[in-house]
Amino acid sequence: MRSFAEAAVQNFIARDEVTERVMAVVTAFEKVEQAKVTPTAHFGNDLGLDSLDTVELCMAIEEEFCIQIPDAEAEKIFSVEDAVNFVATHPQAK
């Protein structure tokens, strides 16, 4: 018989893997200068992306991790770190 504690355990992706994959998605984005991509890079201030670019990037992250990012959450993602924080705590991320 399974305990409640076992049932509550989530299978989240390791944070290091999430960081690596998010950085790969950002680096692959055609408007981004690869050398500027860091774990703390801000999409607008550091990478020169506008709001439409950020939406496209969030869509690419959704595709990479097989998740949906609600609009209200996507509006809070301004950096690699923000994206990593969202994905690392998303229970359906693959």
PDB file of N, CA and C in Angstrom:
ATOM      1  N   MET A   1       0.845  -1.178   0.000  1.00  0.00           N
ATOM      2  CA  MET A   1       0.000   0.000   0.000  1.00  0.00           C
ATOM      3  C   MET A   1       0.893   1.245   0.000  1.00  0.00           C
ATOM      4  N   ARG A   2       0.564   2.206  -0.863  1.00  0.00           N
ATOM      5  CA  ARG A   2       1.354   3.440  -0.946  1.00  0.00           C
ATOM      6  C   ARG A   2       0.930   4.421   0.129  1.00  0.00           C
ATOM      7  N   SER A   3       1.898   5.100   0.676  1.00  0.00           N
ATOM      8  CA  SER A   3       1.581   6.124   1.671  1.00  0.00           C
ATOM      9  C   SER A   3       1.273   7.435   0.965  1.00  0.00           C
ATOM     10  N   PHE A   4       0.670   8.359   1.695  1.00  0.00           N
ATOM     11  CA  PHE A   4       0.380   9.674   1.121  1.00  0.00           C
ATOM     12  C   PHE A   4       1.661  10.400   0.743  1.00  0.00           C
ATOM     13  N   ALA A   5       2.703  10.202   1.502  1.00  0.00           N
ATOM     14  CA  ALA A   5       3.982  10.861   1.212  1.00  0.00           C
ATOM     15  C   ALA A   5       4.522  10.416  -0.143  1.00  0.00           C
ATOM     16  N   GLU A   6       4.402   9.137  -0.445  1.00  0.00           N
ATOM     17  CA  GLU A   6       4.859   8.630  -1.745  1.00  0.00           C
ATOM     18  C   GLU A   6       4.058   9.248  -2.879  1.00  0.00           C
ATOM     19  N   ALA A   7       2.756   9.341  -2.690  1.00  0.00           N
ATOM     20  CA  ALA A   7       1.887   9.878  -3.732  1.00  0.00           C
ATOM     21  C   ALA A   7       2.177  11.349  -3.996  1.00  0.00           C
ATOM     22  N   ALA A   8       2.654  12.066  -2.988  1.00  0.00           N
ATOM     23  CA  ALA A   8       2.902  13.498  -3.123  1.00  0.00           C
ATOM     24  C   ALA A   8       4.233  13.817  -3.806  1.00  0.00           C
ATOM     25  N   VAL A   9       5.100  12.829  -3.920  1.00  0.00           N
ATOM     26  CA  VAL A   9       6.410  13.073  -4.525  1.00  0.00           C
ATOM     27  C   VAL A   9       6.236  13.384  -6.008  1.00  0.00           C
ATOM     28  N   GLN A  10       6.822  14.501  -6.438  1.00  0.00           N
ATOM     29  CA  GLN A  10       6.758  14.902  -7.842  1.00  0.00           C
ATOM     30  C   GLN A  10       8.068  14.532  -8.520  1.00  0.00           C
ATOM     31  N   ASN A  11       8.006  14.270  -9.786  1.00  0.00           N
ATOM     32  CA  ASN A  11       9.205  13.965 -10.553  1.00  0.00           C
ATOM     33  C   ASN A  11       9.626  15.189 -11.348  1.00  0.00           C
ATOM     34  N   PHE A  12      10.228  16.141 -10.664  1.00  0.00           N
ATOM     35  CA  PHE A  12      10.681  17.357 -11.321  1.00  0.00           C
ATOM     36  C   PHE A  12      12.006  17.105 -12.033  1.00  0.00           C
ATOM     37  N   ILE A  13      12.242  17.843 -13.106  1.00  0.00           N
ATOM     38  CA  ILE A  13      13.517  17.751 -13.819  1.00  0.00           C
ATOM     39  C   ILE A  13      14.579  18.445 -12.968  1.00  0.00           C
ATOM     40  N   ALA A  14      15.776  17.877 -12.935  1.00  0.00           N
ATOM     41  CA  ALA A  14      16.880  18.471 -12.170  1.00  0.00           C
ATOM     42  C   ALA A  14      17.136  19.897 -12.658  1.00  0.00           C
ATOM     43  N   ARG A  15      17.343  20.799 -11.724  1.00  0.00           N
ATOM     44  CA  ARG A  15      17.538  22.220 -12.034  1.00  0.00           C
ATOM     45  C   ARG A  15      18.692  22.442 -13.023  1.00  0.00           C
ATOM     46  N   ASP A  16      19.786  21.702 -12.875  1.00  0.00           N
ATOM     47  CA  ASP A  16      20.924  21.846 -13.794  1.00  0.00           C
ATOM     48  C   ASP A  16      20.516  21.504 -15.223  1.00  0.00           C
ATOM     49  N   GLU A  17      19.724  20.447 -15.370  1.00  0.00           N
ATOM     50  CA  GLU A  17      19.258  20.058 -16.701  1.00  0.00           C
ATOM     51  C   GLU A  17      18.326  21.121 -17.279  1.00  0.00           C
ATOM     52  N   VAL A  18      17.432  21.654 -16.434  1.00  0.00           N
ATOM     53  CA  VAL A  18      16.519  22.709 -16.895  1.00  0.00           C
ATOM     54  C   VAL A  18      17.319  23.916 -17.365  1.00  0.00           C
ATOM     55  N   THR A  19      18.312  24.322 -16.573  1.00  0.00           N
ATOM     56  CA  THR A  19      19.142  25.477 -16.936  1.00  0.00           C
ATOM     57  C   THR A  19      19.832  25.243 -18.273  1.00  0.00           C
ATOM     58  N   GLU A  20      20.414  24.077 -18.435  1.00  0.00           N
ATOM     59  CA  GLU A  20      21.125  23.739 -19.675  1.00  0.00           C
ATOM     60  C   GLU A  20      20.187  23.784 -20.883  1.00  0.00           C
ATOM     61  N   ARG A  21      19.007  23.207 -20.725  1.00  0.00           N
ATOM     62  CA  ARG A  21      18.060  23.155 -21.841  1.00  0.00           C
ATOM     63  C   ARG A  21      17.460  24.524 -22.156  1.00  0.00           C
ATOM     64  N   VAL A  22      17.141  25.310 -21.131  1.00  0.00           N
ATOM     65  CA  VAL A  22      16.618  26.666 -21.369  1.00  0.00           C
ATOM     66  C   VAL A  22      17.682  27.502 -22.072  1.00  0.00           C
ATOM     67  N   MET A  23      18.917  27.408 -21.614  1.00  0.00           N
ATOM     68  CA  MET A  23      20.000  28.164 -22.259  1.00  0.00           C
ATOM     69  C   MET A  23      20.178  27.730 -23.711  1.00  0.00           C
ATOM     70  N   ALA A  24      20.006  26.450 -23.997  1.00  0.00           N
ATOM     71  CA  ALA A  24      20.114  25.962 -25.377  1.00  0.00           C
ATOM     72  C   ALA A  24      19.001  26.546 -26.246  1.00  0.00           C
ATOM     73  N   VAL A  25      17.788  26.622 -25.703  1.00  0.00           N
ATOM     74  CA  VAL A  25      16.662  27.209 -26.442  1.00  0.00           C
ATOM     75  C   VAL A  25      16.937  28.682 -26.719  1.00  0.00           C
ATOM     76  N   VAL A  26      17.393  29.402 -25.701  1.00  0.00           N
ATOM     77  CA  VAL A  26      17.676  30.834 -25.858  1.00  0.00           C
ATOM     78  C   VAL A  26      18.813  31.039 -26.855  1.00  0.00           C
ATOM     79  N   THR A  27      19.854  30.249 -26.746  1.00  0.00           N
ATOM     80  CA  THR A  27      21.006  30.361 -27.645  1.00  0.00           C
ATOM     81  C   THR A  27      20.606  30.091 -29.095  1.00  0.00           C
ATOM     82  N   ALA A  28      19.667  29.177 -29.301  1.00  0.00           N
ATOM     83  CA  ALA A  28      19.226  28.833 -30.654  1.00  0.00           C
ATOM     84  C   ALA A  28      18.316  29.896 -31.268  1.00  0.00           C
ATOM     85  N   PHE A  29      17.809  30.812 -30.448  1.00  0.00           N
ATOM     86  CA  PHE A  29      16.917  31.862 -30.946  1.00  0.00           C
ATOM     87  C   PHE A  29      17.713  32.778 -31.866  1.00  0.00           C
ATOM     88  N   GLU A  30      17.228  32.963 -33.082  1.00  0.00           N
ATOM     89  CA  GLU A  30      18.006  33.637 -34.130  1.00  0.00           C
ATOM     90  C   GLU A  30      18.429  35.065 -33.802  1.00  0.00           C
ATOM     91  N   LYS A  31      17.709  35.755 -32.945  1.00  0.00           N
ATOM     92  CA  LYS A  31      18.031  37.155 -32.651  1.00  0.00           C
ATOM     93  C   LYS A  31      18.998  37.320 -31.480  1.00  0.00           C
ATOM     94  N   VAL A  32      19.461  36.219 -30.929  1.00  0.00           N
ATOM     95  CA  VAL A  32      20.307  36.267 -29.734  1.00  0.00           C
ATOM     96  C   VAL A  32      21.771  36.059 -30.095  1.00  0.00           C
ATOM     97  N   GLU A  33      22.613  36.910 -29.532  1.00  0.00           N
ATOM     98  CA  GLU A  33      24.058  36.740 -29.669  1.00  0.00           C
ATOM     99  C   GLU A  33      24.479  35.692 -28.639  1.00  0.00           C
ATOM    100  N   GLN A  34      24.948  34.538 -29.113  1.00  0.00           N
ATOM    101  CA  GLN A  34      25.231  33.390 -28.245  1.00  0.00           C
ATOM    102  C   GLN A  34      26.136  33.721 -27.068  1.00  0.00           C
ATOM    103  N   ALA A  35      27.128  34.548 -27.277  1.00  0.00           N
ATOM    104  CA  ALA A  35      28.094  34.861 -26.222  1.00  0.00           C
ATOM    105  C   ALA A  35      27.453  35.589 -25.041  1.00  0.00           C
ATOM    106  N   LYS A  36      26.285  36.187 -25.253  1.00  0.00           N
ATOM    107  CA  LYS A  36      25.628  36.950 -24.188  1.00  0.00           C
ATOM    108  C   LYS A  36      24.697  36.097 -23.328  1.00  0.00           C
ATOM    109  N   VAL A  37      24.472  34.854 -23.727  1.00  0.00           N
ATOM    110  CA  VAL A  37      23.540  33.997 -22.990  1.00  0.00           C
ATOM    111  C   VAL A  37      24.231  33.434 -21.750  1.00  0.00           C
ATOM    112  N   THR A  38      23.678  33.786 -20.594  1.00  0.00           N
ATOM    113  CA  THR A  38      24.168  33.297 -19.301  1.00  0.00           C
ATOM    114  C   THR A  38      22.954  32.856 -18.482  1.00  0.00           C
ATOM    115  N   PRO A  39      23.169  32.143 -17.380  1.00  0.00           N
ATOM    116  CA  PRO A  39      22.032  31.731 -16.550  1.00  0.00           C
ATOM    117  C   PRO A  39      21.231  32.905 -15.977  1.00  0.00           C
ATOM    118  N   THR A  40      21.818  34.093 -15.929  1.00  0.00           N
ATOM    119  CA  THR A  40      21.107  35.248 -15.373  1.00  0.00           C
ATOM    120  C   THR A  40      20.756  36.294 -16.430  1.00  0.00           C
ATOM    121  N   ALA A  41      20.963  35.979 -17.705  1.00  0.00           N
ATOM    122  CA  ALA A  41      20.718  36.954 -18.776  1.00  0.00           C
ATOM    123  C   ALA A  41      19.252  37.383 -18.820  1.00  0.00           C
ATOM    124  N   HIS A  42      19.045  38.701 -18.859  1.00  0.00           N
ATOM    125  CA  HIS A  42      17.712  39.294 -18.992  1.00  0.00           C
ATOM    126  C   HIS A  42      17.401  39.380 -20.479  1.00  0.00           C
ATOM    127  N   PHE A  43      16.204  38.948 -20.862  1.00  0.00           N
ATOM    128  CA  PHE A  43      15.863  38.899 -22.283  1.00  0.00           C
ATOM    129  C   PHE A  43      15.943  40.271 -22.951  1.00  0.00           C
ATOM    130  N   GLY A  44      15.450  41.304 -22.299  1.00  0.00           N
ATOM    131  CA  GLY A  44      15.469  42.644 -22.882  1.00  0.00           C
ATOM    132  C   GLY A  44      16.782  43.363 -22.669  1.00  0.00           C
ATOM    133  N   ASN A  45      17.182  43.499 -21.414  1.00  0.00           N
ATOM    134  CA  ASN A  45      18.366  44.297 -21.072  1.00  0.00           C
ATOM    135  C   ASN A  45      19.670  43.707 -21.586  1.00  0.00           C
ATOM    136  N   ASP A  46      19.836  42.396 -21.479  1.00  0.00           N
ATOM    137  CA  ASP A  46      21.105  41.764 -21.856  1.00  0.00           C
ATOM    138  C   ASP A  46      21.112  41.209 -23.282  1.00  0.00           C
ATOM    139  N   LEU A  47      19.958  40.697 -23.724  1.00  0.00           N
ATOM    140  CA  LEU A  47      19.914  40.025 -25.023  1.00  0.00           C
ATOM    141  C   LEU A  47      19.248  40.861 -26.114  1.00  0.00           C
ATOM    142  N   GLY A  48      18.684  42.012 -25.729  1.00  0.00           N
ATOM    143  CA  GLY A  48      18.096  42.919 -26.709  1.00  0.00           C
ATOM    144  C   GLY A  48      16.795  42.444 -27.334  1.00  0.00           C
ATOM    145  N   LEU A  49      16.077  41.573 -26.646  1.00  0.00           N
ATOM    146  CA  LEU A  49      14.816  41.060 -27.182  1.00  0.00           C
ATOM    147  C   LEU A  49      13.658  41.971 -26.781  1.00  0.00           C
ATOM    148  N   ASP A  50      12.666  42.093 -27.666  1.00  0.00           N
ATOM    149  CA  ASP A  50      11.478  42.872 -27.327  1.00  0.00           C
ATOM    150  C   ASP A  50      10.390  41.927 -26.806  1.00  0.00           C
ATOM    151  N   SER A  51       9.216  42.477 -26.509  1.00  0.00           N
ATOM    152  CA  SER A  51       8.159  41.659 -25.903  1.00  0.00           C
ATOM    153  C   SER A  51       7.677  40.544 -26.832  1.00  0.00           C
ATOM    154  N   LEU A  52       7.616  40.802 -28.124  1.00  0.00           N
ATOM    155  CA  LEU A  52       7.203  39.760 -29.071  1.00  0.00           C
ATOM    156  C   LEU A  52       8.236  38.630 -29.120  1.00  0.00           C
ATOM    157  N   ASP A  53       9.519  39.004 -29.102  1.00  0.00           N
ATOM    158  CA  ASP A  53      10.584  37.995 -29.063  1.00  0.00           C
ATOM    159  C   ASP A  53      10.456  37.129 -27.814  1.00  0.00           C
ATOM    160  N   THR A  54      10.141  37.773 -26.692  1.00  0.00           N
ATOM    161  CA  THR A  54      10.011  37.048 -25.430  1.00  0.00           C
ATOM    162  C   THR A  54       8.847  36.061 -25.493  1.00  0.00           C
ATOM    163  N   VAL A  55       7.743  36.469 -26.127  1.00  0.00           N
ATOM    164  CA  VAL A  55       6.604  35.558 -26.305  1.00  0.00           C
ATOM    165  C   VAL A  55       7.035  34.354 -27.144  1.00  0.00           C
ATOM    166  N   GLU A  56       7.758  34.611 -28.234  1.00  0.00           N
ATOM    167  CA  GLU A  56       8.235  33.518 -29.091  1.00  0.00           C
ATOM    168  C   GLU A  56       9.176  32.590 -28.327  1.00  0.00           C
ATOM    169  N   LEU A  57      10.011  33.172 -27.487  1.00  0.00           N
ATOM    170  CA  LEU A  57      10.940  32.384 -26.683  1.00  0.00           C
ATOM    171  C   LEU A  57      10.176  31.511 -25.687  1.00  0.00           C
ATOM    172  N   CYS A  58       9.149  32.067 -25.058  1.00  0.00           N
ATOM    173  CA  CYS A  58       8.328  31.279 -24.125  1.00  0.00           C
ATOM    174  C   CYS A  58       7.650  30.123 -24.855  1.00  0.00           C
ATOM    175  N   MET A  59       7.211  30.366 -26.084  1.00  0.00           N
ATOM    176  CA  MET A  59       6.600  29.292 -26.874  1.00  0.00           C
ATOM    177  C   MET A  59       7.618  28.197 -27.181  1.00  0.00           C
ATOM    178  N   ALA A  60       8.848  28.590 -27.460  1.00  0.00           N
ATOM    179  CA  ALA A  60       9.907  27.603 -27.721  1.00  0.00           C
ATOM    180  C   ALA A  60      10.210  26.795 -26.458  1.00  0.00           C
ATOM    181  N   ILE A  61      10.165  27.453 -25.308  1.00  0.00           N
ATOM    182  CA  ILE A  61      10.396  26.765 -24.031  1.00  0.00           C
ATOM    183  C   ILE A  61       9.249  25.794 -23.757  1.00  0.00           C
ATOM    184  N   GLU A  62       8.017  26.210 -24.049  1.00  0.00           N
ATOM    185  CA  GLU A  62       6.872  25.302 -23.900  1.00  0.00           C
ATOM    186  C   GLU A  62       7.078  24.043 -24.735  1.00  0.00           C
ATOM    187  N   GLU A  63       7.511  24.236 -25.961  1.00  0.00           N
ATOM    188  CA  GLU A  63       7.730  23.102 -26.863  1.00  0.00           C
ATOM    189  C   GLU A  63       8.854  22.194 -26.359  1.00  0.00           C
ATOM    190  N   GLU A  64       9.945  22.794 -25.897  1.00  0.00           N
ATOM    191  CA  GLU A  64      11.095  22.026 -25.410  1.00  0.00           C
ATOM    192  C   GLU A  64      10.716  21.127 -24.233  1.00  0.00           C
ATOM    193  N   PHE A  65       9.872  21.642 -23.329  1.00  0.00           N
ATOM    194  CA  PHE A  65       9.556  20.917 -22.102  1.00  0.00           C
ATOM    195  C   PHE A  65       8.153  20.294 -22.102  1.00  0.00           C
ATOM    196  N   CYS A  66       7.443  20.388 -23.240  1.00  0.00           N
ATOM    197  CA  CYS A  66       6.096  19.805 -23.363  1.00  0.00           C
ATOM    198  C   CYS A  66       5.148  20.311 -22.271  1.00  0.00           C
ATOM    199  N   ILE A  67       5.140  21.636 -22.080  1.00  0.00           N
ATOM    200  CA  ILE A  67       4.281  22.248 -21.067  1.00  0.00           C
ATOM    201  C   ILE A  67       3.522  23.418 -21.677  1.00  0.00           C
ATOM    202  N   GLN A  68       2.545  23.909 -20.931  1.00  0.00           N
ATOM    203  CA  GLN A  68       1.834  25.135 -21.263  1.00  0.00           C
ATOM    204  C   GLN A  68       2.225  26.173 -20.217  1.00  0.00           C
ATOM    205  N   ILE A  69       2.585  27.360 -20.665  1.00  0.00           N
ATOM    206  CA  ILE A  69       2.871  28.453 -19.742  1.00  0.00           C
ATOM    207  C   ILE A  69       1.691  29.412 -19.842  1.00  0.00           C
ATOM    208  N   PRO A  70       0.878  29.503 -18.781  1.00  0.00           N
ATOM    209  CA  PRO A  70      -0.263  30.419 -18.828  1.00  0.00           C
ATOM    210  C   PRO A  70       0.210  31.857 -19.087  1.00  0.00           C
ATOM    211  N   ASP A  71      -0.629  32.635 -19.775  1.00  0.00           N
ATOM    212  CA  ASP A  71      -0.258  34.010 -20.111  1.00  0.00           C
ATOM    213  C   ASP A  71       0.176  34.806 -18.886  1.00  0.00           C
ATOM    214  N   ALA A  72      -0.544  34.636 -17.778  1.00  0.00           N
ATOM    215  CA  ALA A  72      -0.211  35.373 -16.556  1.00  0.00           C
ATOM    216  C   ALA A  72       1.191  35.033 -16.058  1.00  0.00           C
ATOM    217  N   GLU A  73       1.615  33.795 -16.244  1.00  0.00           N
ATOM    218  CA  GLU A  73       2.964  33.383 -15.838  1.00  0.00           C
ATOM    219  C   GLU A  73       4.000  33.827 -16.863  1.00  0.00           C
ATOM    220  N   ALA A  74       3.656  33.726 -18.141  1.00  0.00           N
ATOM    221  CA  ALA A  74       4.587  34.129 -19.204  1.00  0.00           C
ATOM    222  C   ALA A  74       4.950  35.607 -19.075  1.00  0.00           C
ATOM    223  N   GLU A  75       3.995  36.418 -18.613  1.00  0.00           N
ATOM    224  CA  GLU A  75       4.243  37.850 -18.429  1.00  0.00           C
ATOM    225  C   GLU A  75       5.265  38.130 -17.335  1.00  0.00           C
ATOM    226  N   LYS A  76       5.589  37.129 -16.527  1.00  0.00           N
ATOM    227  CA  LYS A  76       6.564  37.279 -15.437  1.00  0.00           C
ATOM    228  C   LYS A  76       7.937  36.727 -15.811  1.00  0.00           C
ATOM    229  N   ILE A  77       8.073  36.186 -17.020  1.00  0.00           N
ATOM    230  CA  ILE A  77       9.340  35.583 -17.443  1.00  0.00           C
ATOM    231  C   ILE A  77      10.120  36.597 -18.273  1.00  0.00           C
ATOM    232  N   PHE A  78      11.158  37.160 -17.650  1.00  0.00           N
ATOM    233  CA  PHE A  78      11.974  38.197 -18.283  1.00  0.00           C
ATOM    234  C   PHE A  78      13.426  37.789 -18.474  1.00  0.00           C
ATOM    235  N   SER A  79      13.785  36.598 -17.970  1.00  0.00           N
ATOM    236  CA  SER A  79      15.194  36.197 -18.007  1.00  0.00           C
ATOM    237  C   SER A  79      15.312  34.677 -18.079  1.00  0.00           C
ATOM    238  N   VAL A  80      16.525  34.236 -18.352  1.00  0.00           N
ATOM    239  CA  VAL A  80      16.806  32.799 -18.339  1.00  0.00           C
ATOM    240  C   VAL A  80      16.445  32.245 -16.963  1.00  0.00           C
ATOM    241  N   GLU A  81      16.845  32.940 -15.928  1.00  0.00           N
ATOM    242  CA  GLU A  81      16.588  32.496 -14.558  1.00  0.00           C
ATOM    243  C   GLU A  81      15.090  32.371 -14.271  1.00  0.00           C
ATOM    244  N   ASP A  82      14.291  33.346 -14.731  1.00  0.00           N
ATOM    245  CA  ASP A  82      12.836  33.271 -14.540  1.00  0.00           C
ATOM    246  C   ASP A  82      12.271  32.027 -15.224  1.00  0.00           C
ATOM    247  N   ALA A  83      12.727  31.759 -16.442  1.00  0.00           N
ATOM    248  CA  ALA A  83      12.252  30.590 -17.188  1.00  0.00           C
ATOM    249  C   ALA A  83      12.643  29.301 -16.474  1.00  0.00           C
ATOM    250  N   VAL A  84      13.877  29.241 -16.006  1.00  0.00           N
ATOM    251  CA  VAL A  84      14.351  28.052 -15.281  1.00  0.00           C
ATOM    252  C   VAL A  84      13.510  27.841 -14.027  1.00  0.00           C
ATOM    253  N   ASN A  85      13.260  28.908 -13.271  1.00  0.00           N
ATOM    254  CA  ASN A  85      12.463  28.790 -12.050  1.00  0.00           C
ATOM    255  C   ASN A  85      11.064  28.257 -12.347  1.00  0.00           C
ATOM    256  N   PHE A  86      10.457  28.731 -13.430  1.00  0.00           N
ATOM    257  CA  PHE A  86       9.119  28.251 -13.779  1.00  0.00           C
ATOM    258  C   PHE A  86       9.151  26.772 -14.158  1.00  0.00           C
ATOM    259  N   VAL A  87      10.032  26.419 -15.071  1.00  0.00           N
ATOM    260  CA  VAL A  87      10.079  25.037 -15.570  1.00  0.00           C
ATOM    261  C   VAL A  87      10.485  24.062 -14.467  1.00  0.00           C
ATOM    262  N   ALA A  88      11.450  24.431 -13.644  1.00  0.00           N
ATOM    263  CA  ALA A  88      11.958  23.530 -12.599  1.00  0.00           C
ATOM    264  C   ALA A  88      10.891  23.182 -11.567  1.00  0.00           C
ATOM    265  N   THR A  89       9.853  24.014 -11.463  1.00  0.00           N
ATOM    266  CA  THR A  89       8.790  23.748 -10.491  1.00  0.00           C
ATOM    267  C   THR A  89       7.493  23.301 -11.162  1.00  0.00           C
ATOM    268  N   HIS A  90       7.557  23.036 -12.459  1.00  0.00           N
ATOM    269  CA  HIS A  90       6.365  22.599 -13.194  1.00  0.00           C
ATOM    270  C   HIS A  90       6.306  21.072 -13.180  1.00  0.00           C
ATOM    271  N   PRO A  91       5.272  20.507 -12.571  1.00  0.00           N
ATOM    272  CA  PRO A  91       5.223  19.045 -12.416  1.00  0.00           C
ATOM    273  C   PRO A  91       5.094  18.253 -13.719  1.00  0.00           C
ATOM    274  N   GLN A  92       4.600  18.863 -14.792  1.00  0.00           N
ATOM    275  CA  GLN A  92       4.461  18.131 -16.050  1.00  0.00           C
ATOM    276  C   GLN A  92       5.632  18.314 -17.004  1.00  0.00           C
ATOM    277  N   ALA A  93       6.619  19.121 -16.627  1.00  0.00           N
ATOM    278  CA  ALA A  93       7.764  19.355 -17.518  1.00  0.00           C
ATOM    279  C   ALA A  93       8.484  18.045 -17.791  1.00  0.00           C
ATOM    280  N   LYS A  94       8.840  17.848 -19.079  1.00  0.00           N
ATOM    281  CA  LYS A  94       9.515  16.610 -19.484  1.00  0.00           C
ATOM    282  C   LYS A  94      10.835  16.932 -20.130  1.00  0.00           C
TER     283      LYS A  94
END
